[in-house]
C-alpha atoms as a PDB file:
ATOM      1  CA  MET A   1     -88.204 -48.402  11.529  1.00  0.00           C
ATOM      2  CA  ILE A   2     -85.096 -50.537  11.749  1.00  0.00           C
ATOM      3  CA  LYS A   3     -84.071 -49.395   8.236  1.00  0.00           C
ATOM      4  CA  ARG A   4     -84.512 -45.749   9.236  1.00  0.00           C
ATOM      5  CA  ILE A   5     -82.265 -46.171  12.332  1.00  0.00           C
ATOM      6  CA  ALA A   6     -79.609 -47.965  10.250  1.00  0.00           C
ATOM      7  CA  SER A   7     -79.657 -45.165   7.700  1.00  0.00           C
ATOM      8  CA  CYS A   8     -79.157 -42.557  10.453  1.00  0.00           C
ATOM      9  CA  LEU A   9     -76.228 -44.503  11.933  1.00  0.00           C
ATOM     10  CA  LEU A  10     -74.643 -44.850   8.482  1.00  0.00           C
ATOM     11  CA  ALA A  11     -74.984 -41.089   7.914  1.00  0.00           C
ATOM     12  CA  LEU A  12     -73.362 -40.285  11.258  1.00  0.00           C
ATOM     13  CA  ILE A  13     -70.430 -42.641  10.528  1.00  0.00           C
ATOM     14  CA  LEU A  14     -69.898 -40.936   7.139  1.00  0.00           C
ATOM     15  CA  ILE A  15     -69.912 -37.425   8.732  1.00  0.00           C
ATOM     16  CA  PHE A  16     -67.268 -38.365  11.378  1.00  0.00           C
ATOM     17  CA  THR A  17     -65.054 -40.007   8.713  1.00  0.00           C
ATOM     18  CA  LEU A  18     -65.021 -36.853   6.509  1.00  0.00           C
ATOM     19  CA  ALA A  19     -64.272 -34.594   9.495  1.00  0.00           C
ATOM     20  CA  GLY A  20     -61.242 -36.702  10.471  1.00  0.00           C
ATOM     21  CA  CYS A  21     -59.819 -36.519   6.947  1.00  0.00           C
ATOM     22  CA  ALA A  22     -60.181 -32.728   6.936  1.00  0.00           C
ATOM     23  CA  ASN A  23     -58.056 -32.382  10.112  1.00  0.00           C
ATOM     24  CA  ALA A  24     -55.226 -34.666   8.960  1.00  0.00           C
ATOM     25  CA  PRO A  25     -51.810 -32.843   8.356  1.00  0.00           C
ATOM     26  CA  GLN A  26     -51.164 -31.935   4.730  1.00  0.00           C
ATOM     27  CA  PRO A  27     -47.816 -32.799   3.076  1.00  0.00           C
ATOM     28  CA  GLN A  28     -45.542 -29.733   2.468  1.00  0.00           C
ATOM     29  CA  THR A  29     -44.370 -29.111  -1.104  1.00  0.00           C
ATOM     30  CA  PRO A  30     -40.965 -27.530  -1.974  1.00  0.00           C
ATOM     31  CA  ASP A  31     -42.694 -24.146  -2.385  1.00  0.00           C
ATOM     32  CA  SER A  32     -44.457 -24.315   0.956  1.00  0.00           C
ATOM     33  CA  GLN A  33     -43.625 -21.720   3.594  1.00  0.00           C
ATOM     34  CA  PRO A  34     -42.594 -23.005   7.026  1.00  0.00           C
ATOM     35  CA  THR A  35     -45.339 -22.887   9.614  1.00  0.00           C
ATOM     36  CA  GLN A  36     -45.142 -20.887  12.813  1.00  0.00           C
ATOM     37  CA  GLY A  37     -42.510 -22.288  15.117  1.00  0.00           C
ATOM     38  CA  GLN A  38     -40.587 -24.029  12.303  1.00  0.00           C
ATOM     39  CA  ALA A  39     -37.022 -22.797  11.834  1.00  0.00           C
ATOM     40  CA  GLU A  40     -36.349 -20.750   8.694  1.00  0.00           C
ATOM     41  CA  PRO A  41     -33.689 -22.527   6.625  1.00  0.00           C
ATOM     42  CA  THR A  42     -30.413 -20.611   6.103  1.00  0.00           C
ATOM     43  CA  GLN A  43     -28.534 -20.431   2.800  1.00  0.00           C
ATOM     44  CA  ALA A  44     -25.103 -22.047   2.995  1.00  0.00           C
ATOM     45  CA  SER A  45     -22.200 -19.868   1.783  1.00  0.00           C
ATOM     46  CA  VAL A  46     -20.685 -21.071  -1.474  1.00  0.00           C
ATOM     47  CA  THR A  47     -17.741 -18.645  -1.576  1.00  0.00           C
ATOM     48  CA  GLU A  48     -14.491 -18.342   0.376  1.00  0.00           C
ATOM     49  CA  HIS A  49     -12.666 -15.202   1.400  1.00  0.00           C
ATOM     50  CA  SER A  50      -8.980 -15.147   2.190  1.00  0.00           C
ATOM     51  CA  ASP A  51      -6.589 -12.312   2.870  1.00  0.00           C
ATOM     52  CA  ALA A  52      -3.612 -14.542   2.133  1.00  0.00           C
ATOM     53  CA  PRO A  53      -1.772 -14.086  -1.161  1.00  0.00           C
ATOM     54  CA  GLN A  54      -2.562 -16.601  -3.837  1.00  0.00           C
ATOM     55  CA  THR A  55       1.041 -17.363  -4.663  1.00  0.00           C
ATOM     56  CA  ASP A  56       3.987 -18.745  -2.756  1.00  0.00           C
ATOM     57  CA  ALA A  57       5.826 -15.446  -3.011  1.00  0.00           C
ATOM     58  CA  PRO A  58       6.085 -13.288   0.138  1.00  0.00           C
ATOM     59  CA  GLN A  59       3.352 -10.722   0.482  1.00  0.00           C
ATOM     60  CA  THR A  60       4.532  -7.520  -1.071  1.00  0.00           C
ATOM     61  CA  VAL A  61       3.853  -3.920  -0.249  1.00  0.00           C
ATOM     62  CA  ALA A  62       0.923  -2.397  -2.043  1.00  0.00           C
ATOM     63  CA  PRO A  63       1.581   1.217  -1.813  1.00  0.00           C
ATOM     64  CA  LYS A  64      -1.002   3.804  -2.404  1.00  0.00           C
ATOM     65  CA  GLU A  65       1.526   6.293  -3.641  1.00  0.00           C
ATOM     66  CA  SER A  66       3.322   3.583  -5.569  1.00  0.00           C
ATOM     67  CA  SER A  67       1.150   0.837  -6.894  1.00  0.00           C
ATOM     68  CA  ALA A  68       2.806  -2.543  -7.266  1.00  0.00           C
ATOM     69  CA  PRO A  69       5.263  -2.099 -10.134  1.00  0.00           C
ATOM     70  CA  THR A  70       4.552  -3.767 -13.438  1.00  0.00           C
ATOM     71  CA  GLY A  71       7.998  -3.138 -14.886  1.00  0.00           C
ATOM     72  CA  GLU A  72       7.017   0.318 -16.134  1.00  0.00           C
ATOM     73  CA  ASN A  73       7.390   3.699 -14.469  1.00  0.00           C
ATOM     74  CA  GLU A  74       6.059   6.168 -16.973  1.00  0.00           C
ATOM     75  CA  PRO A  75       7.861   9.527 -16.833  1.00  0.00           C
ATOM     76  CA  GLU A  76       5.808  12.705 -16.537  1.00  0.00           C
ATOM     77  CA  GLU A  77       7.535  15.955 -17.388  1.00  0.00           C
ATOM     78  CA  SER A  78       6.150  19.474 -16.826  1.00  0.00           C
ATOM     79  CA  GLY A  79       9.043  21.623 -18.012  1.00  0.00           C
ATOM     80  CA  SER A  80      10.198  22.383 -14.465  1.00  0.00           C
ATOM     81  CA  ASP A  81      13.931  22.679 -13.810  1.00  0.00           C
ATOM     82  CA  THR A  82      13.511  20.961 -10.422  1.00  0.00           C
ATOM     83  CA  LEU A  83      12.965  17.260  -9.805  1.00  0.00           C
ATOM     84  CA  VAL A  84      12.125  15.183  -6.738  1.00  0.00           C
ATOM     85  CA  VAL A  85      13.310  11.571  -6.857  1.00  0.00           C
ATOM     86  CA  TYR A  86      12.216   9.346  -3.997  1.00  0.00           C
ATOM     87  CA  PHE A  87      11.926   5.769  -2.784  1.00  0.00           C
ATOM     88  CA  SER A  88       9.112   5.052  -0.350  1.00  0.00           C
ATOM     89  CA  ARG A  89       7.336   2.073   1.174  1.00  0.00           C
ATOM     90  CA  THR A  90       3.865   1.406   2.554  1.00  0.00           C
ATOM     91  CA  GLY A  91       2.573  -1.515   4.590  1.00  0.00           C
ATOM     92  CA  GLU A  92       3.612  -2.078   8.200  1.00  0.00           C
ATOM     93  CA  GLN A  93       5.945   0.619   9.474  1.00  0.00           C
ATOM     94  CA  TYR A  94       7.649   1.306  12.796  1.00  0.00           C
ATOM     95  CA  LYS A  95       5.458   3.129  15.367  1.00  0.00           C
ATOM     96  CA  VAL A  96       2.598   3.881  12.962  1.00  0.00           C
ATOM     97  CA  GLY A  97       1.324   0.445  11.960  1.00  0.00           C
ATOM     98  CA  VAL A  98       0.103  -0.246   8.423  1.00  0.00           C
ATOM     99  CA  ILE A  99       0.144   2.855   6.227  1.00  0.00           C
ATOM    100  CA  ASP A 100      -1.294   3.583   2.787  1.00  0.00           C
ATOM    101  CA  ASN A 101       0.976   6.493   1.869  1.00  0.00           C
ATOM    102  CA  GLY A 102       4.693   6.132   2.462  1.00  0.00           C
ATOM    103  CA  ASN A 103       6.507   8.526   4.803  1.00  0.00           C
ATOM    104  CA  THR A 104       9.060   9.563   2.205  1.00  0.00           C
ATOM    105  CA  ALA A 105       6.349   9.962  -0.424  1.00  0.00           C
ATOM    106  CA  ILE A 106       4.542  12.416   1.845  1.00  0.00           C
ATOM    107  CA  VAL A 107       7.668  14.584   2.165  1.00  0.00           C
ATOM    108  CA  ALA A 108       8.327  14.319  -1.577  1.00  0.00           C
ATOM    109  CA  GLU A 109       4.829  15.546  -2.353  1.00  0.00           C
ATOM    110  CA  MET A 110       5.273  18.483   0.042  1.00  0.00           C
ATOM    111  CA  ILE A 111       8.494  19.450  -1.734  1.00  0.00           C
ATOM    112  CA  GLY A 112       6.709  19.206  -5.049  1.00  0.00           C
ATOM    113  CA  ASP A 113       3.834  21.366  -3.817  1.00  0.00           C
ATOM    114  CA  ARG A 114       6.235  24.096  -2.673  1.00  0.00           C
ATOM    115  CA  THR A 115       8.658  24.081  -5.604  1.00  0.00           C
ATOM    116  CA  GLY A 116       6.489  22.989  -8.529  1.00  0.00           C
ATOM    117  CA  ALA A 117       9.015  20.209  -9.134  1.00  0.00           C
ATOM    118  CA  ASP A 118       8.402  17.075 -11.146  1.00  0.00           C
ATOM    119  CA  LEU A 119       8.239  13.863  -9.119  1.00  0.00           C
ATOM    120  CA  TRP A 120       9.719  10.490 -10.045  1.00  0.00           C
ATOM    121  CA  GLU A 121       9.459   7.462  -7.794  1.00  0.00           C
ATOM    122  CA  VAL A 122      12.129   4.772  -7.677  1.00  0.00           C
ATOM    123  CA  MET A 123      10.162   1.518  -7.807  1.00  0.00           C
ATOM    124  CA  PRO A 124      11.697  -1.973  -7.695  1.00  0.00           C
ATOM    125  CA  ALA A 125      11.582  -3.914 -10.938  1.00  0.00           C
ATOM    126  CA  ASN A 126      10.934  -6.986  -8.810  1.00  0.00           C
ATOM    127  CA  ASP A 127       9.116  -5.839  -5.693  1.00  0.00           C
ATOM    128  CA  HIS A 128      10.131  -8.564  -3.272  1.00  0.00           C
ATOM    129  CA  TYR A 129      10.010  -6.335  -0.213  1.00  0.00           C
ATOM    130  CA  PRO A 130       7.647  -7.934   2.342  1.00  0.00           C
ATOM    131  CA  MET A 131       4.712  -6.336   4.110  1.00  0.00           C
ATOM    132  CA  THR A 132       5.699  -6.919   7.723  1.00  0.00           C
ATOM    133  CA  TYR A 133       8.201  -4.612   9.357  1.00  0.00           C
ATOM    134  CA  SER A 134      10.342  -7.385  10.878  1.00  0.00           C
ATOM    135  CA  GLU A 135      10.643  -9.153   7.528  1.00  0.00           C
ATOM    136  CA  LEU A 136      11.545  -5.901   5.810  1.00  0.00           C
ATOM    137  CA  LEU A 137      14.334  -5.372   8.346  1.00  0.00           C
ATOM    138  CA  ASP A 138      15.780  -8.767   7.465  1.00  0.00           C
ATOM    139  CA  VAL A 139      15.632  -8.144   3.723  1.00  0.00           C
ATOM    140  CA  ALA A 140      17.170  -4.672   4.043  1.00  0.00           C
ATOM    141  CA  LYS A 141      19.985  -5.997   6.249  1.00  0.00           C
ATOM    142  CA  ARG A 142      20.746  -8.789   3.794  1.00  0.00           C
ATOM    143  CA  GLU A 143      20.920  -6.357   0.868  1.00  0.00           C
ATOM    144  CA  LEU A 144      23.233  -4.091   2.856  1.00  0.00           C
ATOM    145  CA  ASN A 145      25.555  -6.946   3.801  1.00  0.00           C
ATOM    146  CA  GLU A 146      25.672  -8.161   0.205  1.00  0.00           C
ATOM    147  CA  ASN A 147      26.132  -4.610  -1.142  1.00  0.00           C
ATOM    148  CA  ALA A 148      23.253  -5.502  -3.466  1.00  0.00           C
ATOM    149  CA  ARG A 149      22.124  -3.407  -6.403  1.00  0.00           C
ATOM    150  CA  PRO A 150      18.389  -4.142  -6.869  1.00  0.00           C
ATOM    151  CA  ALA A 151      17.034  -3.073 -10.251  1.00  0.00           C
ATOM    152  CA  TYR A 152      14.417  -0.352 -10.522  1.00  0.00           C
ATOM    153  CA  ALA A 153      11.519  -0.194 -12.958  1.00  0.00           C
ATOM    154  CA  GLY A 154      10.959   2.138 -15.864  1.00  0.00           C
ATOM    155  CA  GLU A 155      12.872   4.866 -17.623  1.00  0.00           C
ATOM    156  CA  VAL A 156      14.229   7.823 -15.680  1.00  0.00           C
ATOM    157  CA  LEU A 157      13.137  11.275 -16.767  1.00  0.00           C
ATOM    158  CA  ASP A 158      15.474  13.245 -19.013  1.00  0.00           C
ATOM    159  CA  LEU A 159      17.760  14.592 -16.294  1.00  0.00           C
ATOM    160  CA  SER A 160      19.392  17.140 -18.582  1.00  0.00           C
ATOM    161  CA  GLN A 161      16.487  19.577 -18.098  1.00  0.00           C
ATOM    162  CA  TYR A 162      16.885  19.739 -14.307  1.00  0.00           C
ATOM    163  CA  ASN A 163      19.259  21.971 -12.380  1.00  0.00           C
ATOM    164  CA  THR A 164      18.229  20.874  -8.881  1.00  0.00           C
ATOM    165  CA  ILE A 165      17.269  17.352  -7.876  1.00  0.00           C
ATOM    166  CA  PHE A 166      15.916  16.495  -4.440  1.00  0.00           C
ATOM    167  CA  ILE A 167      16.533  12.843  -3.564  1.00  0.00           C
ATOM    168  CA  GLY A 168      14.833  11.095  -0.650  1.00  0.00           C
ATOM    169  CA  ALA A 169      14.433   7.688   0.958  1.00  0.00           C
ATOM    170  CA  PRO A 170      13.868   6.047   4.339  1.00  0.00           C
ATOM    171  CA  VAL A 171      16.950   5.219   6.387  1.00  0.00           C
ATOM    172  CA  TRP A 172      17.616   1.479   6.212  1.00  0.00           C
ATOM    173  CA  TRP A 173      20.228   0.267   8.696  1.00  0.00           C
ATOM    174  CA  GLY A 174      21.909   3.662   8.823  1.00  0.00           C
ATOM    175  CA  ASP A 175      22.231   3.959   5.045  1.00  0.00           C
ATOM    176  CA  TRP A 176      20.393   4.619   1.819  1.00  0.00           C
ATOM    177  CA  PRO A 177      18.362   1.616   0.666  1.00  0.00           C
ATOM    178  CA  MET A 178      20.571  -0.321  -1.735  1.00  0.00           C
ATOM    179  CA  ILE A 179      18.217   0.303  -4.658  1.00  0.00           C
ATOM    180  CA  MET A 180      19.133   3.985  -4.403  1.00  0.00           C
ATOM    181  CA  TYR A 181      22.790   3.170  -5.075  1.00  0.00           C
ATOM    182  CA  THR A 182      21.611   1.437  -8.253  1.00  0.00           C
ATOM    183  CA  PHE A 183      19.949   4.709  -9.217  1.00  0.00           C
ATOM    184  CA  PHE A 184      22.954   6.863  -8.286  1.00  0.00           C
ATOM    185  CA  GLU A 185      25.481   4.744 -10.157  1.00  0.00           C
ATOM    186  CA  GLN A 186      23.413   4.394 -13.303  1.00  0.00           C
ATOM    187  CA  ASN A 187      22.775   8.143 -13.488  1.00  0.00           C
ATOM    188  CA  ALA A 188      26.015   9.576 -12.064  1.00  0.00           C
ATOM    189  CA  ASP A 189      27.056  11.043 -15.407  1.00  0.00           C
ATOM    190  CA  ALA A 190      23.676  12.729 -15.876  1.00  0.00           C
ATOM    191  CA  PHE A 191      23.941  14.184 -12.352  1.00  0.00           C
ATOM    192  CA  ALA A 192      27.244  15.885 -13.145  1.00  0.00           C
ATOM    193  CA  GLY A 193      27.152  19.644 -12.530  1.00  0.00           C
ATOM    194  CA  LYS A 194      23.747  19.531 -10.824  1.00  0.00           C
ATOM    195  CA  LEU A 195      22.706  20.400  -7.286  1.00  0.00           C
ATOM    196  CA  LEU A 196      21.564  17.281  -5.427  1.00  0.00           C
ATOM    197  CA  ILE A 197      19.684  17.775  -2.136  1.00  0.00           C
ATOM    198  CA  PRO A 198      19.028  14.699   0.022  1.00  0.00           C
ATOM    199  CA  PHE A 199      16.197  14.102   2.493  1.00  0.00           C
ATOM    200  CA  SER A 200      15.414  11.156   4.740  1.00  0.00           C
ATOM    201  CA  THR A 201      12.601   9.756   6.848  1.00  0.00           C
ATOM    202  CA  HIS A 202      13.640   7.952  10.025  1.00  0.00           C
ATOM    203  CA  GLU A 203      12.813   7.155  13.650  1.00  0.00           C
ATOM    204  CA  GLY A 204      15.960   8.360  15.332  1.00  0.00           C
ATOM    205  CA  SER A 205      18.708   7.916  12.726  1.00  0.00           C
ATOM    206  CA  GLY A 206      18.509  11.450  11.366  1.00  0.00           C
ATOM    207  CA  LEU A 207      20.065  12.017   7.964  1.00  0.00           C
ATOM    208  CA  SER A 208      22.501   9.100   8.519  1.00  0.00           C
ATOM    209  CA  GLY A 209      25.178  10.583   6.290  1.00  0.00           C
ATOM    210  CA  PHE A 210      22.924  10.636   3.238  1.00  0.00           C
ATOM    211  CA  ASP A 211      24.658  13.800   2.040  1.00  0.00           C
ATOM    212  CA  ARG A 212      28.187  12.406   2.369  1.00  0.00           C
ATOM    213  CA  LYS A 213      27.275   9.079   0.767  1.00  0.00           C
ATOM    214  CA  LEU A 214      25.448  10.803  -2.071  1.00  0.00           C
ATOM    215  CA  SER A 215      28.514  12.965  -2.706  1.00  0.00           C
ATOM    216  CA  SER A 216      30.691   9.843  -2.867  1.00  0.00           C
ATOM    217  CA  ALA A 217      28.324   8.130  -5.299  1.00  0.00           C
ATOM    218  CA  CYS A 218      28.013  11.225  -7.523  1.00  0.00           C
ATOM    219  CA  PRO A 219      31.377  13.000  -7.168  1.00  0.00           C
ATOM    220  CA  ASN A 220      30.814  15.436 -10.009  1.00  0.00           C
ATOM    221  CA  SER A 221      27.680  16.899  -8.434  1.00  0.00           C
ATOM    222  CA  THR A 222      27.164  19.507  -5.736  1.00  0.00           C
ATOM    223  CA  VAL A 223      25.320  18.176  -2.680  1.00  0.00           C
ATOM    224  CA  GLY A 224      23.207  20.624  -0.707  1.00  0.00           C
ATOM    225  CA  THR A 225      22.021  20.691   2.895  1.00  0.00           C
ATOM    226  CA  GLY A 226      19.765  17.758   3.599  1.00  0.00           C
ATOM    227  CA  LEU A 227      16.617  17.335   5.706  1.00  0.00           C
ATOM    228  CA  ALA A 228      15.680  14.516   8.084  1.00  0.00           C
ATOM    229  CA  VAL A 229      12.033  13.984   9.113  1.00  0.00           C
ATOM    230  CA  ARG A 230      10.620  11.440  11.546  1.00  0.00           C
ATOM    231  CA  GLY A 231       8.410   8.984   9.735  1.00  0.00           C
ATOM    232  CA  SER A 232       5.804   8.910  12.495  1.00  0.00           C
ATOM    233  CA  ASP A 233       5.453  12.693  12.184  1.00  0.00           C
ATOM    234  CA  CYS A 234       4.760  12.287   8.479  1.00  0.00           C
ATOM    235  CA  GLN A 235       1.711  10.237   9.417  1.00  0.00           C
ATOM    236  CA  ASN A 236       0.541  12.027  12.567  1.00  0.00           C
ATOM    237  CA  LYS A 237       1.839  15.632  12.396  1.00  0.00           C
ATOM    238  CA  GLN A 238       1.698  16.542   8.741  1.00  0.00           C
ATOM    239  CA  GLU A 239       1.113  20.269   9.198  1.00  0.00           C
ATOM    240  CA  SER A 240       4.156  20.473  11.447  1.00  0.00           C
ATOM    241  CA  VAL A 241       6.192  18.526   8.897  1.00  0.00           C
ATOM    242  CA  ARG A 242       5.004  20.825   6.124  1.00  0.00           C
ATOM    243  CA  GLU A 243       6.188  23.862   8.077  1.00  0.00           C
ATOM    244  CA  THR A 244       9.581  22.222   8.586  1.00  0.00           C
ATOM    245  CA  VAL A 245       9.854  21.336   4.889  1.00  0.00           C
ATOM    246  CA  ASN A 246       8.861  24.841   3.768  1.00  0.00           C
ATOM    247  CA  LYS A 247      11.369  26.461   6.122  1.00  0.00           C
ATOM    248  CA  TRP A 248      14.113  24.146   4.828  1.00  0.00           C
ATOM    249  CA  LEU A 249      13.168  24.925   1.222  1.00  0.00           C
ATOM    250  CA  ALA A 250      13.149  28.655   1.916  1.00  0.00           C
ATOM    251  CA  GLY A 251      16.791  28.309   2.951  1.00  0.00           C
ATOM    252  CA  SER A 252      17.459  26.872  -0.519  1.00  0.00           C
ATOM    253  CA  GLY A 253      15.712  29.757  -2.261  1.00  0.00           C
ATOM    254  CA  TYR A 254      12.237  28.248  -2.699  1.00  0.00           C
END
């Protein structure tokens, strides 16, 4: 009898021991999923993003209509006897903020659309012009004071095939950008006997004597009636600008 009771007690002890082991928490392996209420781990970022340039040089304009120059400006000729030469900038501009297509480039393209002219952009060989408007003002003023002649990239089209050449740029401190004087002086002989027609983009300066200054730089050329367009209109009122450009061109026989 005593042996039977002892056996029953031993069996009960064994049952309770096994039940306790079954309820004990199990260790979690690296592949285990977190249980309910446990925070899901987040993956730490291993990359960095920065809008800052990776060099010590000032941030330069990255024009849509004029990609950053590489020292080459490949000419494209169509056989037209009319050419549009222009200098234009993107980036931060007065009144309109950061733009992807330069004001002067927009007018140049409109002239090209109307006349079927070839287009050639004057691009700096060393594009040091900064992105911000205030910095650009400082650089432009310094070049004006120094009467600088910044180099431009690439080979100019064969000017001998053109009878009429439209030439445009933004007004910088009441004058052509100094890089345009580099262009005028290096091609003055090729401009001889041709009709040169200036156009400007501005925010209140008008044509700023572009016609008179162009005539002085290229004395053996004929300078036609110029056109001045507000840069902010080029961005915000393009249809109105196009009408103005077409009316101006019609007066020149286009």
